[in-house]
C-alpha cells in the first residue's frame, strides 16, 4: 500500500475505464514530485524514483486549495500541464484525489478476509508467552491488529459513553492509554495516521470509533493522515500519540520496525535520537528482500542508518530480517528470539 504503482497507466481495460481519464494529470503531478525529489537529493536511488501514494494524496490536497493556500500569492504561474489537465478550478484534480482516497479506504487497506491478517495474532501469542504488554505504533489505517488479536485484547484509547440521545458511543478520552487498566491488556495500539473506523463530530470535534464503519460520503470526514506533512496535528489523538512514540522509544532496548520504509522524517528522527543517545538500544528492521545476500542486507542496513542520521552507530545494533513480516510474525517472533537479540531476559520494551 505504501507505494503507488503505475496501475493508473495500465493497459488493462477495466483499470483504464476507472483511471484512464486521469493519465495525463497523474503524469504531470508525478513528474513534478520526482523533480522535487531530485532537487533535494544528490544521490539518486530507486527510493527517490518512487511516488508514495500518501505523498500523492498529500500533494493533491495542497494543490486543491489553489487560491486559498497561504503561499498562493508567491506563485507566479501554475505548471502548464497542471492547468491543462487539472480542469476548471482544478475540478479534475479534486476528483482524482477523491477517487484515490475512496479506493484506498474501500479496497486497498480494507482487508475483508480475516485469514489475510491472521498472522498478526502472533502479537497476542507473544504476550501469552511473556506477559509483557506490547506497545504497537502503527502507520497503517487498517484493522488487522484489532481483528487478529481481538478488540477485547487491544487498548486504543476509547471507552463507551452514554450520549445525550441515550445511545452508547465509544469515545476517545485523554488518559485512557495511560491508566493501569491499559497496562493489563496484551496490546496498546497507537494508530499514528488514524484508522478506518475513526470519525469526528463536526460541532464538538469529539473523536469516536464505529464497530461497523460505513464509507464516508465526504472523504474529508475520514480521520486519516496522508503522508507526513500533518503528522504533528494540533488535534488529539495525533499529537498525543507521536509524543508517546517519543517517550517509549527513549525507554525501549529493542525497537522492531515491521515493513517500515524509513521515509517518514518524524519517525526517523525519534528512532535515530533514541539510538544515538543510548548505546544499549537495538533496531530490528523486518523487511522482505528477494534473494537476500550479505551484500543486499548490508546495503539495506546502510540505507537505514543514513535515513536515521545515525551512521556512527555500530552495525551490530541494526539488525535486518529479510524474510518479510508474515514469516517473522509466524515463525520467528518469540520470547527466545527477542532474548537472543538482547543477550539477556530483561524486558525489551
Foldseek 3Di string as FASTA:
>chain_A
DFFDDVLLVDPDPVSCVVRVLCVLVVVVLLVVQLVVLVVVDPDDDPVSNTDTLLNLLVVLVQVLCAPVHPCNVVDPDDDPSCVVSLDDSSPNSVVVSVVSLCCCLVPVQADDDLVVLQLLLLLVVQCVFPVFAAEAEAQGQYCSNCSNNPVVQEAAQWDWDQDPVRDTFTWHDPPSCPDPVNRNGNYYYHHLFYYSQWFADPPVRTITGDPDDDDDPDSVRGSGRRAAPCQCPPDPPSVVRLVVLLVVLLVFLEAEAAPDPLPHLSNLQSNLCSCVVDVSHAYEYEEADPPDDPVNQVVVLCVSCVSSVNNPHDSLRYHYHHHHDSCCSNPNDHQVNVCVSNVHNDDRD
